[in-house]
PDB file of all heavy atoms in Angstrom:
ATOM      1  N   GLY A   1     -43.179 -89.344  39.920  1.00  0.00           N
ATOM      2  CA  GLY A   1     -44.291 -89.717  39.049  1.00  0.00           C
ATOM      3  C   GLY A   1     -43.894 -90.822  38.090  1.00  0.00           C
ATOM      4  O   GLY A   1     -42.918 -90.688  37.355  1.00  0.00           O
ATOM      5  N   LYS A   2     -44.652 -91.922  38.125  1.00  0.00           N
ATOM      6  CA  LYS A   2     -44.336 -93.054  37.266  1.00  0.00           C
ATOM      7  C   LYS A   2     -44.640 -92.711  35.815  1.00  0.00           C
ATOM      8  O   LYS A   2     -45.686 -92.159  35.496  1.00  0.00           O
ATOM      9  CB  LYS A   2     -45.159 -94.284  37.695  1.00  0.00           C
ATOM     10  CG  LYS A   2     -44.716 -95.561  37.021  1.00  0.00           C
ATOM     11  CD  LYS A   2     -45.400 -96.770  37.634  1.00  0.00           C
ATOM     12  CE  LYS A   2     -44.895 -98.055  36.993  1.00  0.00           C
ATOM     13  NZ  LYS A   2     -45.521 -99.252  37.596  1.00  0.00           N
ATOM     14  N   ARG A   3     -43.698 -93.047  34.937  1.00  0.00           N
ATOM     15  CA  ARG A   3     -43.840 -92.728  33.524  1.00  0.00           C
ATOM     16  C   ARG A   3     -44.310 -93.937  32.738  1.00  0.00           C
ATOM     17  O   ARG A   3     -44.034 -95.068  33.100  1.00  0.00           O
ATOM     18  CB  ARG A   3     -42.498 -92.221  32.964  1.00  0.00           C
ATOM     19  CG  ARG A   3     -42.068 -90.928  33.647  1.00  0.00           C
ATOM     20  CD  ARG A   3     -40.615 -90.615  33.375  1.00  0.00           C
ATOM     21  NE  ARG A   3     -40.190 -89.463  34.151  1.00  0.00           N
ATOM     22  CZ  ARG A   3     -40.229 -88.214  33.708  1.00  0.00           C
ATOM     23  NH1 ARG A   3     -40.644 -87.973  32.474  1.00  0.00           N
ATOM     24  NH2 ARG A   3     -39.838 -87.216  34.471  1.00  0.00           N
ATOM     25  N   ARG A   4     -44.960 -93.671  31.639  1.00  0.00           N
ATOM     26  CA  ARG A   4     -45.457 -94.735  30.777  1.00  0.00           C
ATOM     27  C   ARG A   4     -44.273 -95.446  30.115  1.00  0.00           C
ATOM     28  O   ARG A   4     -43.332 -94.793  29.655  1.00  0.00           O
ATOM     29  CB  ARG A   4     -46.388 -94.154  29.717  1.00  0.00           C
ATOM     30  CG  ARG A   4     -47.021 -95.200  28.817  1.00  0.00           C
ATOM     31  CD  ARG A   4     -47.969 -94.540  27.834  1.00  0.00           C
ATOM     32  NE  ARG A   4     -48.537 -95.501  26.907  1.00  0.00           N
ATOM     33  CZ  ARG A   4     -49.573 -96.261  27.165  1.00  0.00           C
ATOM     34  NH1 ARG A   4     -50.171 -96.169  28.341  1.00  0.00           N
ATOM     35  NH2 ARG A   4     -50.039 -97.110  26.270  1.00  0.00           N
ATOM     36  N   LEU A   5     -44.341 -96.782  30.090  1.00  0.00           N
ATOM     37  CA  LEU A   5     -43.267 -97.550  29.469  1.00  0.00           C
ATOM     38  C   LEU A   5     -43.191 -97.262  27.979  1.00  0.00           C
ATOM     39  O   LEU A   5     -44.217 -97.147  27.302  1.00  0.00           O
ATOM     40  CB  LEU A   5     -43.507 -99.049  29.667  1.00  0.00           C
ATOM     41  CG  LEU A   5     -43.030 -99.693  30.966  1.00  0.00           C
ATOM     42  CD1 LEU A   5     -43.411-101.163  30.957  1.00  0.00           C
ATOM     43  CD2 LEU A   5     -41.530 -99.547  31.150  1.00  0.00           C
ATOM     44  N   ARG A   6     -41.974 -97.157  27.477  1.00  0.00           N
ATOM     45  CA  ARG A   6     -41.793 -97.033  26.039  1.00  0.00           C
ATOM     46  C   ARG A   6     -42.252 -98.316  25.344  1.00  0.00           C
ATOM     47  O   ARG A   6     -42.207 -99.390  25.929  1.00  0.00           O
ATOM     48  CB  ARG A   6     -40.325 -96.788  25.713  1.00  0.00           C
ATOM     49  CG  ARG A   6     -39.786 -95.430  26.106  1.00  0.00           C
ATOM     50  CD  ARG A   6     -38.345 -95.313  25.656  1.00  0.00           C
ATOM     51  NE  ARG A   6     -37.736 -94.088  26.138  1.00  0.00           N
ATOM     52  CZ  ARG A   6     -37.754 -92.927  25.482  1.00  0.00           C
ATOM     53  NH1 ARG A   6     -38.378 -92.877  24.300  1.00  0.00           N
ATOM     54  NH2 ARG A   6     -37.169 -91.860  25.978  1.00  0.00           N
ATOM     55  N   ARG A   7     -42.620 -98.174  24.090  1.00  0.00           N
ATOM     56  CA  ARG A   7     -43.034 -99.350  23.325  1.00  0.00           C
ATOM     57  C   ARG A   7     -41.868-100.324  23.176  1.00  0.00           C
ATOM     58  O   ARG A   7     -42.067-101.545  23.165  1.00  0.00           O
ATOM     59  CB  ARG A   7     -43.531 -98.907  21.954  1.00  0.00           C
ATOM     60  CG  ARG A   7     -44.118-100.034  21.136  1.00  0.00           C
ATOM     61  CD  ARG A   7     -44.641 -99.535  19.813  1.00  0.00           C
ATOM     62  NE  ARG A   7     -45.193-100.621  19.031  1.00  0.00           N
ATOM     63  CZ  ARG A   7     -45.678-100.477  17.804  1.00  0.00           C
ATOM     64  NH1 ARG A   7     -45.681 -99.289  17.235  1.00  0.00           N
ATOM     65  NH2 ARG A   7     -46.158-101.523  17.157  1.00  0.00           N
ATOM     66  N   SER A   8     -40.644 -99.791  23.081  1.00  0.00           N
ATOM     67  CA  SER A   8     -39.460-100.644  22.923  1.00  0.00           C
ATOM     68  C   SER A   8     -39.206-101.501  24.154  1.00  0.00           C
ATOM     69  O   SER A   8     -38.505-102.515  24.070  1.00  0.00           O
ATOM     70  CB  SER A   8     -38.226 -99.788  22.630  1.00  0.00           C
ATOM     71  OG  SER A   8     -37.998 -98.849  23.671  1.00  0.00           O
ATOM     72  N   LEU A   9     -39.784-101.131  25.306  1.00  0.00           N
ATOM     73  CA  LEU A   9     -39.678-101.938  26.521  1.00  0.00           C
ATOM     74  C   LEU A   9     -40.931-102.769  26.763  1.00  0.00           C
ATOM     75  O   LEU A   9     -40.849-103.892  27.268  1.00  0.00           O
ATOM     76  CB  LEU A   9     -39.434-101.028  27.726  1.00  0.00           C
ATOM     77  CG  LEU A   9     -38.040-100.422  27.868  1.00  0.00           C
ATOM     78  CD1 LEU A   9     -38.042 -99.344  28.937  1.00  0.00           C
ATOM     79  CD2 LEU A   9     -37.007-101.487  28.201  1.00  0.00           C
ATOM     80  N   ARG A  10     -42.066-102.220  26.381  1.00  0.00           N
ATOM     81  CA  ARG A  10     -43.339-102.897  26.653  1.00  0.00           C
ATOM     82  C   ARG A  10     -43.534-104.123  25.764  1.00  0.00           C
ATOM     83  O   ARG A  10     -43.946-105.191  26.242  1.00  0.00           O
ATOM     84  CB  ARG A  10     -44.489-101.903  26.455  1.00  0.00           C
ATOM     85  CG  ARG A  10     -45.835-102.400  26.951  1.00  0.00           C
ATOM     86  CD  ARG A  10     -46.878-101.291  26.950  1.00  0.00           C
ATOM     87  NE  ARG A  10     -47.150-100.760  25.626  1.00  0.00           N
ATOM     88  CZ  ARG A  10     -46.750 -99.567  25.199  1.00  0.00           C
ATOM     89  NH1 ARG A  10     -46.054 -98.774  25.991  1.00  0.00           N
ATOM     90  NH2 ARG A  10     -47.038 -99.145  23.983  1.00  0.00           N
ATOM     91  N   VAL A  11     -43.219-104.005  24.492  1.00  0.00           N
ATOM     92  CA  VAL A  11     -43.431-105.113  23.552  1.00  0.00           C
ATOM     93  C   VAL A  11     -42.559-106.326  23.885  1.00  0.00           C
ATOM     94  O   VAL A  11     -43.061-107.457  23.940  1.00  0.00           O
ATOM     95  CB  VAL A  11     -43.213-104.646  22.097  1.00  0.00           C
ATOM     96  CG1 VAL A  11     -43.221-105.840  21.134  1.00  0.00           C
ATOM     97  CG2 VAL A  11     -44.285-103.641  21.698  1.00  0.00           C
ATOM     98  N   PRO A  12     -41.242-106.162  24.125  1.00  0.00           N
ATOM     99  CA  PRO A  12     -40.414-107.344  24.414  1.00  0.00           C
ATOM    100  C   PRO A  12     -40.846-108.143  25.635  1.00  0.00           C
ATOM    101  O   PRO A  12     -40.820-109.376  25.605  1.00  0.00           O
ATOM    102  CB  PRO A  12     -39.004-106.749  24.617  1.00  0.00           C
ATOM    103  CG  PRO A  12     -39.009-105.490  23.854  1.00  0.00           C
ATOM    104  CD  PRO A  12     -40.400-104.950  23.989  1.00  0.00           C
ATOM    105  N   ILE A  13     -41.270-107.470  26.714  1.00  0.00           N
ATOM    106  CA  ILE A  13     -41.603-108.226  27.923  1.00  0.00           C
ATOM    107  C   ILE A  13     -42.885-109.028  27.724  1.00  0.00           C
ATOM    108  O   ILE A  13     -42.973-110.196  28.143  1.00  0.00           O
ATOM    109  CB  ILE A  13     -41.699-107.304  29.158  1.00  0.00           C
ATOM    110  CG1 ILE A  13     -41.772-108.175  30.423  1.00  0.00           C
ATOM    111  CG2 ILE A  13     -42.866-106.350  29.080  1.00  0.00           C
ATOM    112  CD1 ILE A  13     -41.597-107.413  31.710  1.00  0.00           C
ATOM    113  N   TYR A  14     -43.884-108.456  27.057  1.00  0.00           N
ATOM    114  CA  TYR A  14     -45.115-109.221  26.798  1.00  0.00           C
ATOM    115  C   TYR A  14     -44.847-110.350  25.811  1.00  0.00           C
ATOM    116  O   TYR A  14     -45.384-111.458  25.967  1.00  0.00           O
ATOM    117  CB  TYR A  14     -46.206-108.290  26.273  1.00  0.00           C
ATOM    118  CG  TYR A  14     -46.744-107.336  27.312  1.00  0.00           C
ATOM    119  CD1 TYR A  14     -46.973-105.993  27.032  1.00  0.00           C
ATOM    120  CD2 TYR A  14     -47.025-107.783  28.606  1.00  0.00           C
ATOM    121  CE1 TYR A  14     -47.464-105.123  27.989  1.00  0.00           C
ATOM    122  CE2 TYR A  14     -47.515-106.918  29.573  1.00  0.00           C
ATOM    123  CZ  TYR A  14     -47.729-105.589  29.261  1.00  0.00           C
ATOM    124  OH  TYR A  14     -48.213-104.737  30.219  1.00  0.00           O
ATOM    125  N   LEU A  15     -44.032-110.073  24.803  1.00  0.00           N
ATOM    126  CA  LEU A  15     -43.698-111.105  23.823  1.00  0.00           C
ATOM    127  C   LEU A  15     -42.904-112.233  24.466  1.00  0.00           C
ATOM    128  O   LEU A  15     -43.133-113.413  24.173  1.00  0.00           O
ATOM    129  CB  LEU A  15     -42.905-110.477  22.673  1.00  0.00           C
ATOM    130  CG  LEU A  15     -42.631-111.372  21.458  1.00  0.00           C
ATOM    131  CD1 LEU A  15     -43.930-111.885  20.863  1.00  0.00           C
ATOM    132  CD2 LEU A  15     -41.830-110.599  20.409  1.00  0.00           C
ATOM    133  N   LYS A  16     -41.991-111.886  25.375  1.00  0.00           N
ATOM    134  CA  LYS A  16     -41.188-112.897  26.059  1.00  0.00           C
ATOM    135  C   LYS A  16     -42.062-113.795  26.926  1.00  0.00           C
ATOM    136  O   LYS A  16     -41.875-115.030  26.950  1.00  0.00           O
ATOM    137  CB  LYS A  16     -40.119-112.208  26.913  1.00  0.00           C
ATOM    138  CG  LYS A  16     -39.228-113.152  27.730  1.00  0.00           C
ATOM    139  CD  LYS A  16     -38.354-114.000  26.851  1.00  0.00           C
ATOM    140  CE  LYS A  16     -37.399-114.830  27.704  1.00  0.00           C
ATOM    141  NZ  LYS A  16     -36.595-115.765  26.884  1.00  0.00           N
ATOM    142  N   PHE A  17     -43.017-113.226  27.631  1.00  0.00           N
ATOM    143  CA  PHE A  17     -43.922-114.039  28.450  1.00  0.00           C
ATOM    144  C   PHE A  17     -44.763-114.960  27.570  1.00  0.00           C
ATOM    145  O   PHE A  17     -45.001-116.119  27.930  1.00  0.00           O
ATOM    146  CB  PHE A  17     -44.825-113.141  29.301  1.00  0.00           C
ATOM    147  CG  PHE A  17     -44.231-112.756  30.618  1.00  0.00           C
ATOM    148  CD1 PHE A  17     -43.795-111.471  30.862  1.00  0.00           C
ATOM    149  CD2 PHE A  17     -44.086-113.695  31.634  1.00  0.00           C
ATOM    150  CE1 PHE A  17     -43.238-111.118  32.076  1.00  0.00           C
ATOM    151  CE2 PHE A  17     -43.538-113.359  32.859  1.00  0.00           C
ATOM    152  CZ  PHE A  17     -43.105-112.059  33.077  1.00  0.00           C
ATOM    153  N   CYS A  18     -45.195-114.467  26.418  1.00  0.00           N
ATOM    154  CA  CYS A  18     -46.009-115.293  25.505  1.00  0.00           C
ATOM    155  C   CYS A  18     -45.184-116.461  24.961  1.00  0.00           C
ATOM    156  O   CYS A  18     -45.661-117.606  24.939  1.00  0.00           O
ATOM    157  CB  CYS A  18     -46.535-114.437  24.357  1.00  0.00           C
ATOM    158  SG  CYS A  18     -47.816-113.262  24.833  1.00  0.00           S
ATOM    159  N   THR A  19     -43.957-116.187  24.510  1.00  0.00           N
ATOM    160  CA  THR A  19     -43.132-117.258  23.945  1.00  0.00           C
ATOM    161  C   THR A  19     -42.748-118.283  25.010  1.00  0.00           C
ATOM    162  O   THR A  19     -42.778-119.490  24.755  1.00  0.00           O
ATOM    163  CB  THR A  19     -41.864-116.690  23.292  1.00  0.00           C
ATOM    164  OG1 THR A  19     -41.123-115.903  24.259  1.00  0.00           O
ATOM    165  CG2 THR A  19     -42.213-115.818  22.100  1.00  0.00           C
ATOM    166  N   ALA A  20     -42.398-117.809  26.217  1.00  0.00           N
ATOM    167  CA  ALA A  20     -42.017-118.734  27.292  1.00  0.00           C
ATOM    168  C   ALA A  20     -43.197-119.617  27.696  1.00  0.00           C
ATOM    169  O   ALA A  20     -43.051-120.831  27.876  1.00  0.00           O
ATOM    170  CB  ALA A  20     -41.490-117.957  28.495  1.00  0.00           C
ATOM    171  N   ALA A  21     -44.379-119.013  27.831  1.00  0.00           N
ATOM    172  CA  ALA A  21     -45.568-119.785  28.205  1.00  0.00           C
ATOM    173  C   ALA A  21     -45.918-120.799  27.110  1.00  0.00           C
ATOM    174  O   ALA A  21     -46.257-121.952  27.403  1.00  0.00           O
ATOM    175  CB  ALA A  21     -46.748-118.843  28.450  1.00  0.00           C
ATOM    176  N   PHE A  22     -45.822-120.386  25.859  1.00  0.00           N
ATOM    177  CA  PHE A  22     -46.140-121.280  24.747  1.00  0.00           C
ATOM    178  C   PHE A  22     -45.202-122.482  24.737  1.00  0.00           C
ATOM    179  O   PHE A  22     -45.642-123.621  24.562  1.00  0.00           O
ATOM    180  CB  PHE A  22     -46.038-120.519  23.423  1.00  0.00           C
ATOM    181  CG  PHE A  22     -46.320-121.371  22.213  1.00  0.00           C
ATOM    182  CD1 PHE A  22     -47.621-121.586  21.792  1.00  0.00           C
ATOM    183  CD2 PHE A  22     -45.291-121.975  21.506  1.00  0.00           C
ATOM    184  CE1 PHE A  22     -47.899-122.375  20.680  1.00  0.00           C
ATOM    185  CE2 PHE A  22     -45.552-122.770  20.395  1.00  0.00           C
ATOM    186  CZ  PHE A  22     -46.854-122.965  19.984  1.00  0.00           C
ATOM    187  N   MET A  23     -43.892-122.245  24.941  1.00  0.00           N
ATOM    188  CA  MET A  23     -42.930-123.348  24.905  1.00  0.00           C
ATOM    189  C   MET A  23     -43.124-124.302  26.078  1.00  0.00           C
ATOM    190  O   MET A  23     -43.008-125.522  25.921  1.00  0.00           O
ATOM    191  CB  MET A  23     -41.501-122.803  24.891  1.00  0.00           C
ATOM    192  CG  MET A  23     -41.135-122.146  23.571  1.00  0.00           C
ATOM    193  SD  MET A  23     -39.403-121.739  23.487  1.00  0.00           S
ATOM    194  CE  MET A  23     -39.249-120.620  24.877  1.00  0.00           C
ATOM    195  N   CYS A  24     -43.419-123.766  27.249  1.00  0.00           N
ATOM    196  CA  CYS A  24     -43.660-124.640  28.405  1.00  0.00           C
ATOM    197  C   CYS A  24     -44.876-125.534  28.174  1.00  0.00           C
ATOM    198  O   CYS A  24     -44.843-126.731  28.483  1.00  0.00           O
ATOM    199  CB  CYS A  24     -43.856-123.792  29.660  1.00  0.00           C
ATOM    200  SG  CYS A  24     -42.350-122.996  30.266  1.00  0.00           S
ATOM    201  N   LEU A  25     -45.945-124.959  27.627  1.00  0.00           N
ATOM    202  CA  LEU A  25     -47.141-125.748  27.344  1.00  0.00           C
ATOM    203  C   LEU A  25     -46.883-126.751  26.220  1.00  0.00           C
ATOM    204  O   LEU A  25     -47.400-127.872  26.244  1.00  0.00           O
ATOM    205  CB  LEU A  25     -48.298-124.821  26.970  1.00  0.00           C
ATOM    206  CG  LEU A  25     -48.839-123.937  28.099  1.00  0.00           C
ATOM    207  CD1 LEU A  25     -49.870-122.952  27.563  1.00  0.00           C
ATOM    208  CD2 LEU A  25     -49.445-124.786  29.215  1.00  0.00           C
ATOM    209  N   THR A  26     -46.080-126.348  25.229  1.00  0.00           N
ATOM    210  CA  THR A  26     -45.790-127.231  24.100  1.00  0.00           C
ATOM    211  C   THR A  26     -45.036-128.477  24.541  1.00  0.00           C
ATOM    212  O   THR A  26     -45.306-129.590  24.059  1.00  0.00           O
ATOM    213  CB  THR A  26     -44.965-126.468  23.041  1.00  0.00           C
ATOM    214  OG1 THR A  26     -45.734-125.375  22.555  1.00  0.00           O
ATOM    215  CG2 THR A  26     -44.605-127.377  21.876  1.00  0.00           C
ATOM    216  N   ILE A  27     -44.076-128.309  25.447  1.00  0.00           N
ATOM    217  CA  ILE A  27     -43.321-129.460  25.957  1.00  0.00           C
ATOM    218  C   ILE A  27     -44.272-130.472  26.583  1.00  0.00           C
ATOM    219  O   ILE A  27     -44.160-131.683  26.358  1.00  0.00           O
ATOM    220  CB  ILE A  27     -42.265-128.987  26.980  1.00  0.00           C
ATOM    221  CG1 ILE A  27     -41.143-128.223  26.265  1.00  0.00           C
ATOM    222  CG2 ILE A  27     -41.681-130.166  27.757  1.00  0.00           C
ATOM    223  CD1 ILE A  27     -40.150-127.562  27.188  1.00  0.00           C
ATOM    224  N   CYS A  28     -45.224-129.967  27.348  1.00  0.00           N
ATOM    225  CA  CYS A  28     -46.210-130.850  27.990  1.00  0.00           C
ATOM    226  C   CYS A  28     -47.091-131.534  26.949  1.00  0.00           C
ATOM    227  O   CYS A  28     -47.359-132.740  27.034  1.00  0.00           O
ATOM    228  CB  CYS A  28     -47.060-130.029  28.959  1.00  0.00           C
ATOM    229  SG  CYS A  28     -48.075-131.018  30.067  1.00  0.00           S
ATOM    230  N   VAL A  29     -47.528-130.795  25.928  1.00  0.00           N
ATOM    231  CA  VAL A  29     -48.388-131.354  24.882  1.00  0.00           C
ATOM    232  C   VAL A  29     -47.680-132.473  24.132  1.00  0.00           C
ATOM    233  O   VAL A  29     -48.248-133.546  23.880  1.00  0.00           O
ATOM    234  CB  VAL A  29     -48.828-130.240  23.903  1.00  0.00           C
ATOM    235  CG1 VAL A  29     -49.475-130.848  22.656  1.00  0.00           C
ATOM    236  CG2 VAL A  29     -49.800-129.286  24.582  1.00  0.00           C
ATOM    237  N   PHE A  30     -46.416-132.258  23.765  1.00  0.00           N
ATOM    238  CA  PHE A  30     -45.667-133.276  23.031  1.00  0.00           C
ATOM    239  C   PHE A  30     -45.501-134.558  23.846  1.00  0.00           C
ATOM    240  O   PHE A  30     -45.544-135.663  23.302  1.00  0.00           O
ATOM    241  CB  PHE A  30     -44.293-132.734  22.615  1.00  0.00           C
ATOM    242  CG  PHE A  30     -44.311-131.991  21.313  1.00  0.00           C
ATOM    243  CD1 PHE A  30     -43.940-130.651  21.238  1.00  0.00           C
ATOM    244  CD2 PHE A  30     -44.718-132.616  20.149  1.00  0.00           C
ATOM    245  CE1 PHE A  30     -43.958-129.967  20.040  1.00  0.00           C
ATOM    246  CE2 PHE A  30     -44.748-131.934  18.932  1.00  0.00           C
ATOM    247  CZ  PHE A  30     -44.362-130.611  18.881  1.00  0.00           C
ATOM    248  N   HIS A  31     -45.303-134.419  25.160  1.00  0.00           N
ATOM    249  CA  HIS A  31     -45.148-135.617  25.988  1.00  0.00           C
ATOM    250  C   HIS A  31     -46.476-136.359  26.174  1.00  0.00           C
ATOM    251  O   HIS A  31     -46.492-137.583  26.305  1.00  0.00           O
ATOM    252  CB  HIS A  31     -44.545-135.258  27.346  1.00  0.00           C
ATOM    253  CG  HIS A  31     -43.058-135.082  27.297  1.00  0.00           C
ATOM    254  ND1 HIS A  31     -42.469-133.868  27.056  1.00  0.00           N
ATOM    255  CD2 HIS A  31     -42.045-135.969  27.421  1.00  0.00           C
ATOM    256  CE1 HIS A  31     -41.156-133.998  27.043  1.00  0.00           C
ATOM    257  NE2 HIS A  31     -40.874-135.265  27.265  1.00  0.00           N
ATOM    258  N   PHE A  32     -47.592-135.638  26.169  1.00  0.00           N
ATOM    259  CA  PHE A  32     -48.892-136.305  26.245  1.00  0.00           C
ATOM    260  C   PHE A  32     -49.219-137.028  24.941  1.00  0.00           C
ATOM    261  O   PHE A  32     -50.078-137.914  24.918  1.00  0.00           O
ATOM    262  CB  PHE A  32     -49.997-135.294  26.576  1.00  0.00           C
ATOM    263  CG  PHE A  32     -50.215-135.103  28.045  1.00  0.00           C
ATOM    264  CD1 PHE A  32     -49.825-133.935  28.684  1.00  0.00           C
ATOM    265  CD2 PHE A  32     -50.822-136.102  28.802  1.00  0.00           C
ATOM    266  CE1 PHE A  32     -50.029-133.767  30.041  1.00  0.00           C
ATOM    267  CE2 PHE A  32     -51.037-135.939  30.170  1.00  0.00           C
ATOM    268  CZ  PHE A  32     -50.629-134.767  30.791  1.00  0.00           C
ATOM    269  N   HIS A  33     -48.530-136.669  23.867  1.00  0.00           N
ATOM    270  CA  HIS A  33     -48.792-137.281  22.567  1.00  0.00           C
ATOM    271  C   HIS A  33     -47.870-138.483  22.303  1.00  0.00           C
ATOM    272  O   HIS A  33     -47.757-138.925  21.167  1.00  0.00           O
ATOM    273  CB  HIS A  33     -48.607-136.235  21.457  1.00  0.00           C
ATOM    274  CG  HIS A  33     -49.018-136.717  20.098  1.00  0.00           C
ATOM    275  ND1 HIS A  33     -50.327-137.059  19.792  1.00  0.00           N
ATOM    276  CD2 HIS A  33     -48.300-136.938  18.970  1.00  0.00           C
ATOM    277  CE1 HIS A  33     -50.376-137.462  18.531  1.00  0.00           C
ATOM    278  NE2 HIS A  33     -49.175-137.396  17.989  1.00  0.00           N
ATOM    279  N   THR A  34     -47.208-139.000  23.323  1.00  0.00           N
ATOM    280  CA  THR A  34     -46.296-140.125  23.124  1.00  0.00           C
ATOM    281  C   THR A  34     -47.027-141.429  22.813  1.00  0.00           C
ATOM    282  O   THR A  34     -46.415-142.386  22.356  1.00  0.00           O
ATOM    283  CB  THR A  34     -45.426-140.337  24.378  1.00  0.00           C
ATOM    284  OG1 THR A  34     -46.284-140.519  25.517  1.00  0.00           O
ATOM    285  CG2 THR A  34     -44.513-139.141  24.599  1.00  0.00           C
ATOM    286  N   GLY A  35     -48.329-141.475  23.091  1.00  0.00           N
ATOM    287  CA  GLY A  35     -49.091-142.690  22.815  1.00  0.00           C
ATOM    288  C   GLY A  35     -49.121-143.669  23.977  1.00  0.00           C
ATOM    289  O   GLY A  35     -49.667-144.769  23.856  1.00  0.00           O
ATOM    290  N   ALA A  36     -48.530-143.278  25.111  1.00  0.00           N
ATOM    291  CA  ALA A  36     -48.536-144.163  26.283  1.00  0.00           C
ATOM    292  C   ALA A  36     -49.946-144.240  26.877  1.00  0.00           C
ATOM    293  O   ALA A  36     -50.759-143.329  26.736  1.00  0.00           O
ATOM    294  CB  ALA A  36     -47.555-143.636  27.327  1.00  0.00           C
TER     295      ALA A  36
END
C-alpha cells in the first residue's frame, strides 16, 4: 500500500521544481532583454 509522502519530502521536491523552472525562464528573459 502506497503511503502518503511526508511534508518534509513533499515540500522540497515541489520547491525545487519551482526554483529550477524560474531560473531557466529567467535566463531566457535576460537574454531577450539584451536590446538586440
